[in-house]
N, C-alpha and C. Protein backbone atom coordinates (compact mmCIF):
# COMPACT_ATOMS: atom_id res chain seq x y z
N MET A 1 0.83 -1.19 0.00
CA MET A 1 0.00 0.00 0.00
C MET A 1 0.88 1.26 0.00
N PHE A 2 1.94 1.24 0.82
CA PHE A 2 2.84 2.39 0.89
C PHE A 2 3.56 2.59 -0.45
N ASP A 3 3.88 1.48 -1.10
CA ASP A 3 4.53 1.56 -2.41
C ASP A 3 3.61 2.22 -3.44
N LYS A 4 2.32 1.91 -3.35
CA LYS A 4 1.35 2.52 -4.26
C LYS A 4 1.30 4.03 -4.03
N ILE A 5 1.34 4.45 -2.77
CA ILE A 5 1.32 5.88 -2.44
C ILE A 5 2.55 6.56 -3.04
N LYS A 6 3.70 5.92 -2.89
CA LYS A 6 4.93 6.51 -3.44
C LYS A 6 4.88 6.59 -4.97
N SER A 7 4.39 5.54 -5.61
CA SER A 7 4.32 5.57 -7.08
C SER A 7 3.28 6.59 -7.56
N ASP A 8 2.17 6.72 -6.82
CA ASP A 8 1.17 7.73 -7.18
C ASP A 8 1.72 9.14 -7.00
N MET A 9 2.62 9.32 -6.04
CA MET A 9 3.23 10.62 -5.82
C MET A 9 4.09 11.00 -7.04
N VAL A 10 4.86 10.05 -7.54
CA VAL A 10 5.68 10.29 -8.73
C VAL A 10 4.78 10.59 -9.94
N LYS A 11 3.71 9.83 -10.05
CA LYS A 11 2.77 10.03 -11.17
C LYS A 11 2.15 11.43 -11.12
N ALA A 12 1.73 11.84 -9.91
CA ALA A 12 1.13 13.18 -9.76
C ALA A 12 2.16 14.27 -10.06
N LEU A 13 3.39 14.02 -9.70
CA LEU A 13 4.47 14.98 -9.99
C LEU A 13 4.66 15.13 -11.49
N LYS A 14 4.69 14.01 -12.20
CA LYS A 14 4.86 14.03 -13.66
C LYS A 14 3.68 14.70 -14.36
N GLU A 15 2.47 14.46 -13.81
CA GLU A 15 1.26 15.02 -14.42
C GLU A 15 0.97 16.45 -13.97
N LYS A 16 1.80 16.96 -13.07
CA LYS A 16 1.65 18.32 -12.53
C LYS A 16 0.28 18.53 -11.87
N ASP A 17 -0.20 17.50 -11.19
CA ASP A 17 -1.47 17.56 -10.46
C ASP A 17 -1.15 18.05 -9.04
N LYS A 18 -1.22 19.36 -8.85
CA LYS A 18 -0.74 19.97 -7.61
C LYS A 18 -1.54 19.54 -6.37
N ILE A 19 -2.83 19.45 -6.49
CA ILE A 19 -3.66 19.08 -5.34
C ILE A 19 -3.36 17.65 -4.92
N ARG A 20 -3.41 16.72 -5.88
CA ARG A 20 -3.13 15.31 -5.58
C ARG A 20 -1.72 15.16 -5.03
N LEU A 21 -0.77 15.85 -5.62
CA LEU A 21 0.61 15.77 -5.16
C LEU A 21 0.74 16.24 -3.71
N SER A 22 0.11 17.36 -3.38
CA SER A 22 0.24 17.87 -2.02
C SER A 22 -0.43 16.93 -1.00
N VAL A 23 -1.56 16.34 -1.36
CA VAL A 23 -2.25 15.42 -0.45
C VAL A 23 -1.42 14.14 -0.27
N ILE A 24 -0.89 13.61 -1.35
CA ILE A 24 -0.08 12.39 -1.26
C ILE A 24 1.20 12.66 -0.47
N ARG A 25 1.80 13.81 -0.66
CA ARG A 25 2.99 14.16 0.13
C ARG A 25 2.65 14.25 1.61
N MET A 26 1.49 14.82 1.91
CA MET A 26 1.05 14.91 3.30
C MET A 26 0.85 13.52 3.89
N ILE A 27 0.23 12.63 3.13
CA ILE A 27 0.01 11.25 3.58
C ILE A 27 1.35 10.57 3.84
N LYS A 28 2.26 10.70 2.89
CA LYS A 28 3.58 10.07 3.02
C LYS A 28 4.32 10.62 4.24
N ALA A 29 4.25 11.93 4.44
CA ALA A 29 4.92 12.54 5.59
C ALA A 29 4.31 12.04 6.90
N ALA A 30 2.98 11.91 6.95
CA ALA A 30 2.33 11.42 8.16
C ALA A 30 2.72 9.96 8.44
N ILE A 31 2.84 9.16 7.39
CA ILE A 31 3.24 7.76 7.56
C ILE A 31 4.70 7.70 8.04
N ASP A 32 5.56 8.50 7.43
CA ASP A 32 6.96 8.53 7.85
C ASP A 32 7.10 8.99 9.30
N LYS A 33 6.31 9.97 9.68
CA LYS A 33 6.34 10.47 11.07
C LYS A 33 5.93 9.36 12.04
N GLU A 34 4.89 8.64 11.68
CA GLU A 34 4.41 7.52 12.51
C GLU A 34 5.51 6.46 12.66
N ARG A 35 6.16 6.15 11.55
CA ARG A 35 7.24 5.15 11.56
C ARG A 35 8.39 5.60 12.46
N ILE A 36 8.77 6.86 12.37
CA ILE A 36 9.88 7.38 13.17
C ILE A 36 9.50 7.49 14.63
N ASP A 37 8.32 8.05 14.90
CA ASP A 37 7.88 8.24 16.29
C ASP A 37 7.75 6.93 17.04
N LYS A 38 7.17 5.94 16.40
CA LYS A 38 6.91 4.66 17.07
C LYS A 38 7.99 3.61 16.82
N LYS A 39 8.96 3.97 15.97
CA LYS A 39 10.06 3.05 15.63
C LYS A 39 9.52 1.68 15.17
N ILE A 40 8.64 1.74 14.17
CA ILE A 40 8.02 0.53 13.66
C ILE A 40 8.21 0.45 12.15
N GLU A 41 7.98 -0.74 11.60
CA GLU A 41 8.01 -0.93 10.16
C GLU A 41 6.67 -0.46 9.58
N ILE A 42 6.71 -0.01 8.35
CA ILE A 42 5.48 0.42 7.69
C ILE A 42 4.76 -0.81 7.14
N THR A 43 3.56 -1.04 7.66
CA THR A 43 2.71 -2.12 7.17
C THR A 43 1.42 -1.50 6.65
N ASP A 44 0.61 -2.32 6.00
CA ASP A 44 -0.68 -1.82 5.52
C ASP A 44 -1.54 -1.32 6.68
N GLU A 45 -1.44 -2.00 7.82
CA GLU A 45 -2.22 -1.59 9.00
C GLU A 45 -1.81 -0.20 9.48
N VAL A 46 -0.52 0.09 9.48
CA VAL A 46 -0.02 1.41 9.88
C VAL A 46 -0.52 2.46 8.89
N VAL A 47 -0.45 2.14 7.62
CA VAL A 47 -0.91 3.07 6.58
C VAL A 47 -2.40 3.35 6.75
N ILE A 48 -3.19 2.32 7.00
CA ILE A 48 -4.64 2.50 7.18
C ILE A 48 -4.92 3.36 8.41
N ASP A 49 -4.19 3.12 9.51
CA ASP A 49 -4.37 3.94 10.72
C ASP A 49 -4.11 5.41 10.42
N VAL A 50 -3.01 5.69 9.74
CA VAL A 50 -2.65 7.07 9.42
C VAL A 50 -3.69 7.69 8.50
N LEU A 51 -4.11 6.95 7.49
CA LEU A 51 -5.13 7.47 6.56
C LEU A 51 -6.44 7.76 7.29
N ALA A 52 -6.82 6.88 8.20
CA ALA A 52 -8.06 7.08 8.96
C ALA A 52 -7.97 8.34 9.82
N LYS A 53 -6.82 8.55 10.44
CA LYS A 53 -6.62 9.77 11.26
C LYS A 53 -6.70 11.02 10.40
N GLU A 54 -6.01 10.98 9.26
CA GLU A 54 -6.01 12.14 8.36
C GLU A 54 -7.41 12.43 7.84
N LEU A 55 -8.15 11.39 7.51
CA LEU A 55 -9.51 11.56 7.02
C LEU A 55 -10.41 12.17 8.09
N LYS A 56 -10.29 11.65 9.31
CA LYS A 56 -11.10 12.16 10.41
C LYS A 56 -10.79 13.63 10.67
N THR A 57 -9.51 14.00 10.64
CA THR A 57 -9.11 15.39 10.85
C THR A 57 -9.75 16.30 9.81
N ARG A 58 -9.71 15.87 8.58
CA ARG A 58 -10.27 16.70 7.51
C ARG A 58 -11.79 16.80 7.59
N GLU A 59 -12.44 15.71 7.98
CA GLU A 59 -13.90 15.76 8.10
C GLU A 59 -14.31 16.69 9.24
N GLU A 60 -13.55 16.68 10.34
CA GLU A 60 -13.84 17.59 11.45
C GLU A 60 -13.60 19.05 11.03
N SER A 61 -12.51 19.28 10.29
CA SER A 61 -12.22 20.63 9.81
C SER A 61 -13.30 21.11 8.86
N LYS A 62 -13.75 20.19 8.01
CA LYS A 62 -14.80 20.54 7.04
C LYS A 62 -16.06 21.01 7.76
N THR A 63 -16.42 20.33 8.84
CA THR A 63 -17.59 20.72 9.62
C THR A 63 -17.43 22.13 10.17
N GLU A 64 -16.24 22.42 10.70
CA GLU A 64 -15.99 23.75 11.26
C GLU A 64 -16.01 24.83 10.16
N PHE A 65 -15.45 24.53 9.01
CA PHE A 65 -15.45 25.49 7.92
C PHE A 65 -16.86 25.73 7.39
N MET A 66 -17.69 24.69 7.41
CA MET A 66 -19.09 24.85 6.97
C MET A 66 -19.82 25.80 7.92
N LYS A 67 -19.56 25.64 9.22
CA LYS A 67 -20.19 26.53 10.20
C LYS A 67 -19.76 27.98 9.99
N ALA A 68 -18.50 28.16 9.56
CA ALA A 68 -17.95 29.49 9.35
C ALA A 68 -18.24 30.03 7.94
N SER A 69 -19.02 29.28 7.16
CA SER A 69 -19.37 29.66 5.79
C SER A 69 -18.15 29.90 4.91
N ARG A 70 -17.16 29.04 5.03
CA ARG A 70 -15.95 29.13 4.20
C ARG A 70 -16.02 28.08 3.11
N SER A 71 -16.84 28.33 2.10
CA SER A 71 -17.05 27.35 1.04
C SER A 71 -15.78 27.05 0.26
N ASP A 72 -14.86 28.03 0.16
CA ASP A 72 -13.61 27.79 -0.55
C ASP A 72 -12.78 26.71 0.15
N LEU A 73 -12.73 26.76 1.48
CA LEU A 73 -11.96 25.77 2.24
C LEU A 73 -12.69 24.43 2.28
N VAL A 74 -14.01 24.47 2.31
CA VAL A 74 -14.79 23.23 2.29
C VAL A 74 -14.55 22.49 0.97
N GLU A 75 -14.53 23.23 -0.11
CA GLU A 75 -14.29 22.64 -1.43
C GLU A 75 -12.89 22.00 -1.49
N GLN A 76 -11.90 22.68 -0.95
CA GLN A 76 -10.53 22.15 -0.91
C GLN A 76 -10.48 20.86 -0.10
N LEU A 77 -11.14 20.86 1.06
CA LEU A 77 -11.15 19.67 1.91
C LEU A 77 -11.89 18.52 1.26
N ASP A 78 -12.94 18.81 0.51
CA ASP A 78 -13.66 17.75 -0.22
C ASP A 78 -12.73 17.03 -1.18
N LYS A 79 -11.90 17.79 -1.88
CA LYS A 79 -10.94 17.19 -2.81
C LYS A 79 -9.94 16.33 -2.05
N GLU A 80 -9.44 16.84 -0.92
CA GLU A 80 -8.46 16.09 -0.13
C GLU A 80 -9.08 14.80 0.42
N ILE A 81 -10.30 14.90 0.92
CA ILE A 81 -11.00 13.73 1.47
C ILE A 81 -11.18 12.67 0.38
N GLU A 82 -11.56 13.10 -0.80
CA GLU A 82 -11.75 12.18 -1.92
C GLU A 82 -10.45 11.43 -2.25
N ILE A 83 -9.34 12.13 -2.24
CA ILE A 83 -8.04 11.51 -2.54
C ILE A 83 -7.66 10.52 -1.44
N ILE A 84 -7.85 10.90 -0.18
CA ILE A 84 -7.51 10.01 0.94
C ILE A 84 -8.35 8.74 0.88
N LYS A 85 -9.64 8.88 0.58
CA LYS A 85 -10.54 7.72 0.52
C LYS A 85 -10.13 6.71 -0.55
N GLU A 86 -9.43 7.17 -1.58
CA GLU A 86 -8.98 6.26 -2.64
C GLU A 86 -8.04 5.19 -2.09
N TYR A 87 -7.32 5.51 -1.02
CA TYR A 87 -6.33 4.59 -0.47
C TYR A 87 -6.88 3.73 0.67
N LEU A 88 -8.03 4.10 1.19
CA LEU A 88 -8.62 3.32 2.28
C LEU A 88 -9.39 2.12 1.72
N PRO A 89 -9.46 1.04 2.51
CA PRO A 89 -10.25 -0.11 2.07
C PRO A 89 -11.73 0.26 1.95
N GLU A 90 -12.47 -0.54 1.23
CA GLU A 90 -13.91 -0.31 1.04
C GLU A 90 -14.61 -0.28 2.40
N PRO A 91 -15.46 0.75 2.66
CA PRO A 91 -16.17 0.81 3.94
C PRO A 91 -17.12 -0.37 4.13
N LEU A 92 -17.33 -0.74 5.37
CA LEU A 92 -18.24 -1.84 5.69
C LEU A 92 -19.67 -1.33 5.75
N SER A 93 -20.61 -2.19 5.40
CA SER A 93 -22.02 -1.84 5.52
C SER A 93 -22.46 -2.03 6.98
N GLU A 94 -23.61 -1.48 7.31
CA GLU A 94 -24.15 -1.62 8.68
C GLU A 94 -24.32 -3.10 9.03
N GLU A 95 -24.81 -3.86 8.06
CA GLU A 95 -25.05 -5.29 8.29
C GLU A 95 -23.74 -6.03 8.57
N GLU A 96 -22.70 -5.71 7.81
CA GLU A 96 -21.40 -6.34 8.02
C GLU A 96 -20.84 -6.00 9.39
N ILE A 97 -20.98 -4.74 9.79
CA ILE A 97 -20.50 -4.32 11.11
C ILE A 97 -21.24 -5.08 12.20
N ASP A 98 -22.57 -5.15 12.08
CA ASP A 98 -23.38 -5.88 13.07
C ASP A 98 -22.97 -7.35 13.14
N ASN A 99 -22.72 -7.97 12.00
CA ASN A 99 -22.31 -9.38 11.99
C ASN A 99 -20.96 -9.57 12.69
N ILE A 100 -20.02 -8.68 12.44
CA ILE A 100 -18.70 -8.77 13.07
C ILE A 100 -18.83 -8.61 14.58
N ILE A 101 -19.65 -7.65 15.01
CA ILE A 101 -19.86 -7.42 16.45
C ILE A 101 -20.51 -8.64 17.08
N ASN A 102 -21.57 -9.16 16.46
CA ASN A 102 -22.27 -10.33 17.01
C ASN A 102 -21.36 -11.54 17.10
N ASP A 103 -20.55 -11.75 16.07
CA ASP A 103 -19.60 -12.87 16.08
C ASP A 103 -18.61 -12.73 17.24
N ALA A 104 -18.10 -11.52 17.42
CA ALA A 104 -17.12 -11.29 18.49
C ALA A 104 -17.75 -11.49 19.87
N ILE A 105 -18.98 -11.01 20.04
CA ILE A 105 -19.67 -11.15 21.33
C ILE A 105 -19.89 -12.63 21.64
N SER A 106 -20.31 -13.39 20.65
CA SER A 106 -20.55 -14.82 20.89
C SER A 106 -19.23 -15.58 21.07
N GLU A 107 -18.19 -15.19 20.35
CA GLU A 107 -16.89 -15.86 20.47
C GLU A 107 -16.30 -15.68 21.87
N ILE A 108 -16.43 -14.47 22.41
CA ILE A 108 -15.88 -14.18 23.74
C ILE A 108 -16.86 -14.59 24.84
N ASP A 109 -18.12 -14.78 24.45
CA ASP A 109 -19.20 -15.05 25.39
C ASP A 109 -19.40 -13.85 26.31
N ALA A 110 -19.40 -12.66 25.69
CA ALA A 110 -19.57 -11.41 26.44
C ALA A 110 -21.01 -11.28 26.92
N THR A 111 -21.16 -10.89 28.17
CA THR A 111 -22.50 -10.77 28.75
C THR A 111 -22.79 -9.39 29.33
N SER A 112 -21.75 -8.64 29.65
CA SER A 112 -21.99 -7.32 30.25
C SER A 112 -21.04 -6.29 29.65
N ILE A 113 -21.25 -5.05 30.03
CA ILE A 113 -20.45 -3.94 29.53
C ILE A 113 -18.98 -4.09 29.95
N LYS A 114 -18.73 -4.90 30.97
CA LYS A 114 -17.36 -5.15 31.43
C LYS A 114 -16.53 -5.87 30.38
N ASP A 115 -17.21 -6.59 29.48
CA ASP A 115 -16.53 -7.34 28.42
C ASP A 115 -16.27 -6.50 27.17
N MET A 116 -16.64 -5.23 27.21
CA MET A 116 -16.53 -4.38 26.02
C MET A 116 -15.09 -4.30 25.52
N GLY A 117 -14.13 -4.16 26.40
CA GLY A 117 -12.73 -4.06 26.00
C GLY A 117 -12.27 -5.28 25.23
N LYS A 118 -12.69 -6.45 25.69
CA LYS A 118 -12.32 -7.69 25.00
C LYS A 118 -12.92 -7.74 23.60
N VAL A 119 -14.17 -7.30 23.49
CA VAL A 119 -14.86 -7.31 22.19
C VAL A 119 -14.16 -6.33 21.24
N MET A 120 -13.87 -5.12 21.73
CA MET A 120 -13.21 -4.11 20.90
C MET A 120 -11.84 -4.61 20.44
N LYS A 121 -11.12 -5.25 21.34
CA LYS A 121 -9.78 -5.76 21.01
C LYS A 121 -9.86 -6.80 19.88
N LEU A 122 -10.90 -7.62 19.91
CA LEU A 122 -11.06 -8.66 18.91
C LEU A 122 -11.46 -8.11 17.54
N ILE A 123 -12.35 -7.13 17.53
CA ILE A 123 -12.88 -6.66 16.24
C ILE A 123 -12.08 -5.52 15.61
N THR A 124 -11.32 -4.78 16.41
CA THR A 124 -10.61 -3.62 15.87
C THR A 124 -9.75 -3.95 14.65
N PRO A 125 -8.93 -5.01 14.68
CA PRO A 125 -8.12 -5.29 13.48
C PRO A 125 -8.95 -5.58 12.23
N LYS A 126 -10.15 -6.09 12.41
CA LYS A 126 -11.00 -6.45 11.27
C LYS A 126 -11.67 -5.23 10.63
N ILE A 127 -11.91 -4.19 11.44
CA ILE A 127 -12.72 -3.07 10.94
C ILE A 127 -12.01 -1.72 10.91
N LYS A 128 -10.83 -1.65 11.46
CA LYS A 128 -10.11 -0.37 11.55
C LYS A 128 -9.96 0.26 10.16
N GLY A 129 -10.35 1.52 10.07
CA GLY A 129 -10.24 2.24 8.81
C GLY A 129 -11.37 1.97 7.83
N ARG A 130 -12.26 1.06 8.19
CA ARG A 130 -13.35 0.72 7.28
C ARG A 130 -14.70 1.21 7.78
N CYS A 131 -14.71 1.78 9.01
CA CYS A 131 -15.94 2.35 9.56
C CYS A 131 -15.57 3.25 10.73
N ASP A 132 -16.56 3.97 11.24
CA ASP A 132 -16.36 4.88 12.36
C ASP A 132 -16.31 4.08 13.66
N MET A 133 -15.17 4.13 14.33
CA MET A 133 -14.98 3.34 15.55
C MET A 133 -15.90 3.81 16.67
N LYS A 134 -16.24 5.08 16.69
CA LYS A 134 -17.14 5.60 17.72
C LYS A 134 -18.53 4.97 17.57
N GLU A 135 -18.95 4.85 16.32
CA GLU A 135 -20.25 4.22 16.02
C GLU A 135 -20.23 2.75 16.46
N VAL A 136 -19.13 2.07 16.18
CA VAL A 136 -18.99 0.66 16.57
C VAL A 136 -19.04 0.52 18.08
N SER A 137 -18.33 1.40 18.76
CA SER A 137 -18.32 1.40 20.23
C SER A 137 -19.74 1.56 20.79
N ASN A 138 -20.49 2.48 20.22
CA ASN A 138 -21.87 2.70 20.67
C ASN A 138 -22.73 1.46 20.43
N LYS A 139 -22.54 0.80 19.28
CA LYS A 139 -23.32 -0.41 18.97
C LYS A 139 -23.00 -1.52 19.98
N ILE A 140 -21.72 -1.66 20.32
CA ILE A 140 -21.32 -2.69 21.28
C ILE A 140 -21.93 -2.40 22.64
N LYS A 141 -21.88 -1.13 23.06
CA LYS A 141 -22.46 -0.75 24.36
C LYS A 141 -23.95 -1.09 24.38
N THR A 142 -24.64 -0.80 23.30
CA THR A 142 -26.07 -1.08 23.22
C THR A 142 -26.34 -2.59 23.34
N LYS A 143 -25.56 -3.39 22.63
CA LYS A 143 -25.77 -4.82 22.65
C LYS A 143 -25.42 -5.45 23.99
N LEU A 144 -24.45 -4.89 24.69
CA LEU A 144 -24.02 -5.46 25.97
C LEU A 144 -24.81 -4.92 27.17
N SER A 145 -25.61 -3.91 26.94
CA SER A 145 -26.39 -3.33 28.07
C SER A 145 -27.61 -4.15 28.38
């Protein structure tokens, strides 16, 4: 996945696509920072984590810019969000999320909210970057209550 980002950066440079180039450079810099800060190897999971963080940051900024009626900045962020989403895995449907949660609850034999950490630990690798983790957390709380 990281190799694809690097090759797309070269492609954007050759095509003089300034917006795509700046977003891909930002992604690459964030991935490199993560690798250096945590002293880890770059894996697809690390790349997905970084992309998910960057996407969330931009979506939050977009909301604030919409409140401030800054349509020029909202438009810029829409383009950036679109480019970031190209590198993320396909999002999960509500039904798929529910099935993963139900499977994890039955596998662990979770019965109360005290088991939430175990459930989250089991499902996080399967769904990270493919859906909103806050939404998943709320669904688990509802099912375990």
